[in-house]
Amino acid sequence: MRYLVAVIDDRTGFSTPEEAAAIDAFNEKLEAGGHRVMAAGIVAPRDAVLIDNRSGAGIVSRGPLVDTPEYMSGFWIIEAASDDEAHALAAEGSSACNRKVEVRAFLR
């Protein structure tokens, strides 16, 4: 099964050099174990663009859908055999990036 592991942040900026090294090592472990599908950091919420073109509305808004102190700053998409395995990998990812993570299974 595939899972989204969202990195939850409350500060702008990048990882420390130590965090970056730990994230790289975690990514290598995911790759070696056949778990890594994709990983990426994403821009801060202030740089988001919200588009609503339902029924041709053509509404474009700058900024996040919801303005909150915590936000998704990056993610991993992983393959895991079970929820338990995904949760264990996510716990390692949380430790590596020194941030909370949220795990959500893809719909089947």
N, C-alpha and C. Protein backbone atom coordinates (compact mmCIF):
# COMPACT_ATOMS: atom_id res chain seq x y z
N MET A 1 0.84 -1.18 0.00
CA MET A 1 0.00 0.00 0.00
C MET A 1 0.88 1.24 0.00
N ARG A 2 0.32 2.31 -0.52
CA ARG A 2 1.02 3.59 -0.53
C ARG A 2 0.49 4.50 0.56
N TYR A 3 1.40 5.29 1.11
CA TYR A 3 1.09 6.22 2.18
C TYR A 3 1.72 7.58 1.90
N LEU A 4 1.03 8.61 2.30
CA LEU A 4 1.58 9.95 2.31
C LEU A 4 2.06 10.22 3.74
N VAL A 5 3.30 10.60 3.88
CA VAL A 5 3.85 11.01 5.16
C VAL A 5 4.15 12.50 5.03
N ALA A 6 3.27 13.33 5.60
CA ALA A 6 3.38 14.78 5.49
C ALA A 6 4.21 15.32 6.65
N VAL A 7 5.20 16.14 6.32
CA VAL A 7 6.04 16.77 7.34
C VAL A 7 5.33 18.04 7.80
N ILE A 8 5.10 18.14 9.09
CA ILE A 8 4.38 19.27 9.67
C ILE A 8 5.39 20.22 10.30
N ASP A 9 5.33 21.48 9.89
CA ASP A 9 6.29 22.48 10.34
C ASP A 9 5.56 23.66 10.96
N ASP A 10 6.28 24.42 11.75
CA ASP A 10 5.70 25.64 12.33
C ASP A 10 6.67 26.81 12.22
N ARG A 11 7.64 26.64 11.36
CA ARG A 11 8.63 27.70 11.16
C ARG A 11 9.03 27.75 9.70
N THR A 12 9.35 28.89 9.23
CA THR A 12 9.82 28.99 7.86
C THR A 12 11.32 28.83 7.85
N GLY A 13 11.85 28.46 6.76
CA GLY A 13 13.28 28.24 6.66
C GLY A 13 13.55 26.80 6.30
N PHE A 14 14.81 26.48 6.28
CA PHE A 14 15.21 25.16 5.84
C PHE A 14 15.73 24.35 7.01
N SER A 15 16.02 23.11 6.75
CA SER A 15 16.58 22.22 7.75
C SER A 15 17.98 22.68 8.13
N THR A 16 18.36 22.33 9.35
CA THR A 16 19.74 22.55 9.75
C THR A 16 20.62 21.57 8.98
N PRO A 17 21.92 21.80 8.92
CA PRO A 17 22.80 20.84 8.24
C PRO A 17 22.68 19.43 8.84
N GLU A 18 22.50 19.33 10.14
CA GLU A 18 22.36 18.03 10.79
C GLU A 18 21.04 17.36 10.36
N GLU A 19 19.96 18.13 10.32
CA GLU A 19 18.68 17.59 9.89
C GLU A 19 18.75 17.15 8.43
N ALA A 20 19.38 17.96 7.59
CA ALA A 20 19.51 17.62 6.16
C ALA A 20 20.27 16.31 5.99
N ALA A 21 21.33 16.11 6.76
CA ALA A 21 22.10 14.87 6.67
C ALA A 21 21.26 13.69 7.14
N ALA A 22 20.50 13.87 8.21
CA ALA A 22 19.64 12.79 8.71
C ALA A 22 18.53 12.47 7.71
N ILE A 23 17.97 13.49 7.07
CA ILE A 23 16.94 13.27 6.05
C ILE A 23 17.52 12.51 4.86
N ASP A 24 18.72 12.90 4.42
CA ASP A 24 19.37 12.19 3.31
C ASP A 24 19.58 10.72 3.66
N ALA A 25 20.04 10.45 4.88
CA ALA A 25 20.26 9.06 5.31
C ALA A 25 18.94 8.30 5.34
N PHE A 26 17.88 8.95 5.83
CA PHE A 26 16.56 8.30 5.86
C PHE A 26 16.08 8.02 4.44
N ASN A 27 16.25 8.98 3.53
CA ASN A 27 15.86 8.76 2.13
C ASN A 27 16.61 7.59 1.53
N GLU A 28 17.90 7.48 1.82
CA GLU A 28 18.70 6.35 1.32
C GLU A 28 18.18 5.03 1.88
N LYS A 29 17.79 5.03 3.16
CA LYS A 29 17.24 3.81 3.77
C LYS A 29 15.92 3.42 3.11
N LEU A 30 15.05 4.42 2.88
CA LEU A 30 13.78 4.14 2.19
C LEU A 30 14.04 3.55 0.81
N GLU A 31 14.97 4.15 0.08
CA GLU A 31 15.30 3.69 -1.27
C GLU A 31 15.83 2.26 -1.24
N ALA A 32 16.77 2.00 -0.34
CA ALA A 32 17.38 0.66 -0.25
C ALA A 32 16.35 -0.40 0.13
N GLY A 33 15.36 -0.02 0.93
CA GLY A 33 14.34 -0.97 1.37
C GLY A 33 13.15 -1.08 0.42
N GLY A 34 13.19 -0.35 -0.70
CA GLY A 34 12.10 -0.41 -1.66
C GLY A 34 10.84 0.32 -1.20
N HIS A 35 10.98 1.24 -0.26
CA HIS A 35 9.82 1.96 0.28
C HIS A 35 9.60 3.32 -0.36
N ARG A 36 10.63 3.93 -0.90
CA ARG A 36 10.53 5.31 -1.36
C ARG A 36 9.91 5.38 -2.75
N VAL A 37 8.81 6.11 -2.85
CA VAL A 37 8.19 6.39 -4.14
C VAL A 37 8.58 7.80 -4.57
N MET A 38 8.48 8.74 -3.63
CA MET A 38 8.79 10.13 -3.94
C MET A 38 8.97 10.87 -2.62
N ALA A 39 9.79 11.91 -2.65
CA ALA A 39 9.95 12.79 -1.49
C ALA A 39 10.25 14.19 -2.01
N ALA A 40 9.72 15.20 -1.31
CA ALA A 40 9.97 16.58 -1.73
C ALA A 40 9.61 17.55 -0.62
N GLY A 41 10.29 18.67 -0.62
CA GLY A 41 9.88 19.80 0.20
C GLY A 41 8.98 20.69 -0.66
N ILE A 42 8.14 21.47 -0.02
CA ILE A 42 7.26 22.37 -0.78
C ILE A 42 7.35 23.78 -0.20
N VAL A 43 6.94 24.75 -0.99
CA VAL A 43 7.04 26.16 -0.58
C VAL A 43 6.13 26.44 0.61
N ALA A 44 6.42 27.54 1.29
CA ALA A 44 5.64 27.96 2.45
C ALA A 44 4.21 28.33 2.02
N PRO A 45 3.26 28.25 2.95
CA PRO A 45 1.86 28.55 2.63
C PRO A 45 1.66 29.94 2.03
N ARG A 46 2.47 30.90 2.43
CA ARG A 46 2.30 32.26 1.90
C ARG A 46 2.49 32.30 0.38
N ASP A 47 3.16 31.29 -0.18
CA ASP A 47 3.42 31.23 -1.61
C ASP A 47 2.42 30.35 -2.36
N ALA A 48 1.41 29.86 -1.65
CA ALA A 48 0.40 29.00 -2.27
C ALA A 48 -0.55 29.83 -3.14
N VAL A 49 -1.16 29.19 -4.08
CA VAL A 49 -2.20 29.79 -4.92
C VAL A 49 -3.40 28.85 -4.87
N LEU A 50 -4.53 29.39 -4.51
CA LEU A 50 -5.78 28.63 -4.41
C LEU A 50 -6.62 28.95 -5.64
N ILE A 51 -6.99 27.93 -6.39
CA ILE A 51 -7.76 28.11 -7.62
C ILE A 51 -9.09 27.39 -7.47
N ASP A 52 -10.16 28.11 -7.76
CA ASP A 52 -11.51 27.53 -7.74
C ASP A 52 -12.16 27.83 -9.08
N ASN A 53 -12.17 26.82 -9.93
CA ASN A 53 -12.77 27.00 -11.24
C ASN A 53 -14.02 26.14 -11.40
N ARG A 54 -14.64 25.80 -10.26
CA ARG A 54 -15.90 25.05 -10.33
C ARG A 54 -16.92 25.91 -11.06
N SER A 55 -17.61 25.30 -11.97
CA SER A 55 -18.63 25.98 -12.79
C SER A 55 -18.07 27.21 -13.48
N GLY A 56 -16.77 27.17 -13.79
CA GLY A 56 -16.15 28.28 -14.52
C GLY A 56 -15.96 29.54 -13.70
N ALA A 57 -15.90 29.42 -12.37
CA ALA A 57 -15.82 30.60 -11.48
C ALA A 57 -14.56 31.42 -11.72
N GLY A 58 -13.45 30.78 -12.05
CA GLY A 58 -12.22 31.51 -12.35
C GLY A 58 -11.65 32.29 -11.17
N ILE A 59 -11.83 31.81 -9.95
CA ILE A 59 -11.33 32.50 -8.77
C ILE A 59 -9.91 32.05 -8.47
N VAL A 60 -9.00 33.01 -8.35
CA VAL A 60 -7.61 32.74 -8.02
C VAL A 60 -7.26 33.60 -6.81
N SER A 61 -6.80 32.93 -5.74
CA SER A 61 -6.45 33.63 -4.50
C SER A 61 -5.02 33.30 -4.13
N ARG A 62 -4.29 34.28 -3.67
CA ARG A 62 -2.92 34.07 -3.19
C ARG A 62 -2.97 33.70 -1.71
N GLY A 63 -2.12 32.78 -1.31
CA GLY A 63 -2.06 32.37 0.08
C GLY A 63 -2.76 31.04 0.30
N PRO A 64 -2.66 30.52 1.52
CA PRO A 64 -3.17 29.18 1.81
C PRO A 64 -4.68 29.12 1.94
N LEU A 65 -5.22 27.93 1.80
CA LEU A 65 -6.64 27.70 2.03
C LEU A 65 -6.99 28.07 3.46
N VAL A 66 -6.18 27.60 4.41
CA VAL A 66 -6.39 27.86 5.83
C VAL A 66 -5.08 28.41 6.39
N ASP A 67 -5.16 29.53 7.07
CA ASP A 67 -3.98 30.13 7.67
C ASP A 67 -3.83 29.61 9.09
N THR A 68 -2.87 28.72 9.30
CA THR A 68 -2.64 28.12 10.60
C THR A 68 -1.15 28.21 10.94
N PRO A 69 -0.80 28.10 12.21
CA PRO A 69 0.61 28.17 12.57
C PRO A 69 1.41 26.94 12.14
N GLU A 70 0.74 25.80 11.94
CA GLU A 70 1.41 24.60 11.45
C GLU A 70 0.94 24.29 10.04
N TYR A 71 1.84 23.77 9.24
CA TYR A 71 1.53 23.52 7.84
C TYR A 71 2.42 22.40 7.30
N MET A 72 2.05 21.86 6.14
CA MET A 72 2.85 20.82 5.50
C MET A 72 4.01 21.50 4.77
N SER A 73 5.25 21.11 5.13
CA SER A 73 6.43 21.70 4.49
C SER A 73 7.13 20.74 3.55
N GLY A 74 6.69 19.50 3.54
CA GLY A 74 7.28 18.50 2.66
C GLY A 74 6.56 17.19 2.85
N PHE A 75 6.99 16.19 2.11
CA PHE A 75 6.31 14.89 2.20
C PHE A 75 7.16 13.77 1.65
N TRP A 76 6.81 12.59 2.07
CA TRP A 76 7.30 11.36 1.47
C TRP A 76 6.07 10.60 0.99
N ILE A 77 6.16 9.95 -0.13
CA ILE A 77 5.19 8.94 -0.52
C ILE A 77 5.94 7.62 -0.44
N ILE A 78 5.43 6.72 0.39
CA ILE A 78 6.13 5.47 0.63
C ILE A 78 5.24 4.27 0.31
N GLU A 79 5.89 3.16 0.06
CA GLU A 79 5.24 1.84 -0.07
C GLU A 79 5.51 1.08 1.23
N ALA A 80 4.48 0.50 1.81
CA ALA A 80 4.63 -0.31 3.01
C ALA A 80 3.65 -1.46 2.96
N ALA A 81 4.02 -2.56 3.57
CA ALA A 81 3.18 -3.76 3.55
C ALA A 81 1.98 -3.65 4.49
N SER A 82 2.07 -2.74 5.48
CA SER A 82 0.99 -2.64 6.47
C SER A 82 0.99 -1.25 7.09
N ASP A 83 -0.09 -0.94 7.78
CA ASP A 83 -0.15 0.32 8.53
C ASP A 83 0.97 0.38 9.56
N ASP A 84 1.22 -0.74 10.25
CA ASP A 84 2.27 -0.76 11.26
C ASP A 84 3.64 -0.43 10.67
N GLU A 85 3.93 -1.00 9.51
CA GLU A 85 5.21 -0.72 8.87
C GLU A 85 5.29 0.75 8.45
N ALA A 86 4.20 1.28 7.89
CA ALA A 86 4.17 2.69 7.49
C ALA A 86 4.37 3.60 8.69
N HIS A 87 3.74 3.26 9.81
CA HIS A 87 3.86 4.08 11.02
C HIS A 87 5.29 4.04 11.56
N ALA A 88 5.91 2.86 11.51
CA ALA A 88 7.30 2.74 11.97
C ALA A 88 8.25 3.56 11.10
N LEU A 89 8.04 3.50 9.79
CA LEU A 89 8.87 4.30 8.88
C LEU A 89 8.64 5.79 9.11
N ALA A 90 7.38 6.17 9.32
CA ALA A 90 7.06 7.58 9.58
C ALA A 90 7.72 8.06 10.87
N ALA A 91 7.76 7.21 11.88
CA ALA A 91 8.43 7.59 13.13
C ALA A 91 9.91 7.86 12.90
N GLU A 92 10.53 7.05 12.04
CA GLU A 92 11.94 7.29 11.69
C GLU A 92 12.09 8.60 10.92
N GLY A 93 11.15 8.88 10.02
CA GLY A 93 11.18 10.13 9.27
C GLY A 93 11.01 11.33 10.17
N SER A 94 10.12 11.23 11.15
CA SER A 94 9.91 12.31 12.11
C SER A 94 11.20 12.60 12.88
N SER A 95 11.86 11.55 13.29
CA SER A 95 13.12 11.70 14.01
C SER A 95 14.18 12.33 13.11
N ALA A 96 14.24 11.89 11.85
CA ALA A 96 15.26 12.39 10.93
C ALA A 96 15.08 13.88 10.65
N CYS A 97 13.86 14.31 10.40
CA CYS A 97 13.64 15.72 10.03
C CYS A 97 13.37 16.60 11.24
N ASN A 98 13.24 15.99 12.43
CA ASN A 98 13.01 16.72 13.66
C ASN A 98 11.71 17.53 13.62
N ARG A 99 10.68 16.93 13.05
CA ARG A 99 9.37 17.56 12.96
C ARG A 99 8.29 16.49 13.12
N LYS A 100 7.07 16.92 13.41
CA LYS A 100 5.95 15.99 13.44
C LYS A 100 5.65 15.56 12.01
N VAL A 101 5.07 14.38 11.87
CA VAL A 101 4.58 13.95 10.57
C VAL A 101 3.16 13.42 10.71
N GLU A 102 2.42 13.50 9.63
CA GLU A 102 1.07 12.94 9.57
C GLU A 102 1.08 11.85 8.51
N VAL A 103 0.55 10.68 8.85
CA VAL A 103 0.52 9.54 7.93
C VAL A 103 -0.91 9.34 7.45
N ARG A 104 -1.06 9.23 6.14
CA ARG A 104 -2.39 8.96 5.56
C ARG A 104 -2.22 7.96 4.43
N ALA A 105 -3.03 6.91 4.48
CA ALA A 105 -3.01 5.89 3.43
C ALA A 105 -3.70 6.43 2.18
N PHE A 106 -3.20 6.02 1.04
CA PHE A 106 -3.89 6.34 -0.21
C PHE A 106 -5.18 5.52 -0.28
N LEU A 107 -6.19 6.05 -0.91
CA LEU A 107 -7.42 5.28 -1.13
C LEU A 107 -7.10 4.12 -2.04
N ARG A 108 -7.75 3.01 -1.82
CA ARG A 108 -7.48 1.81 -2.62
C ARG A 108 -8.32 1.76 -3.86
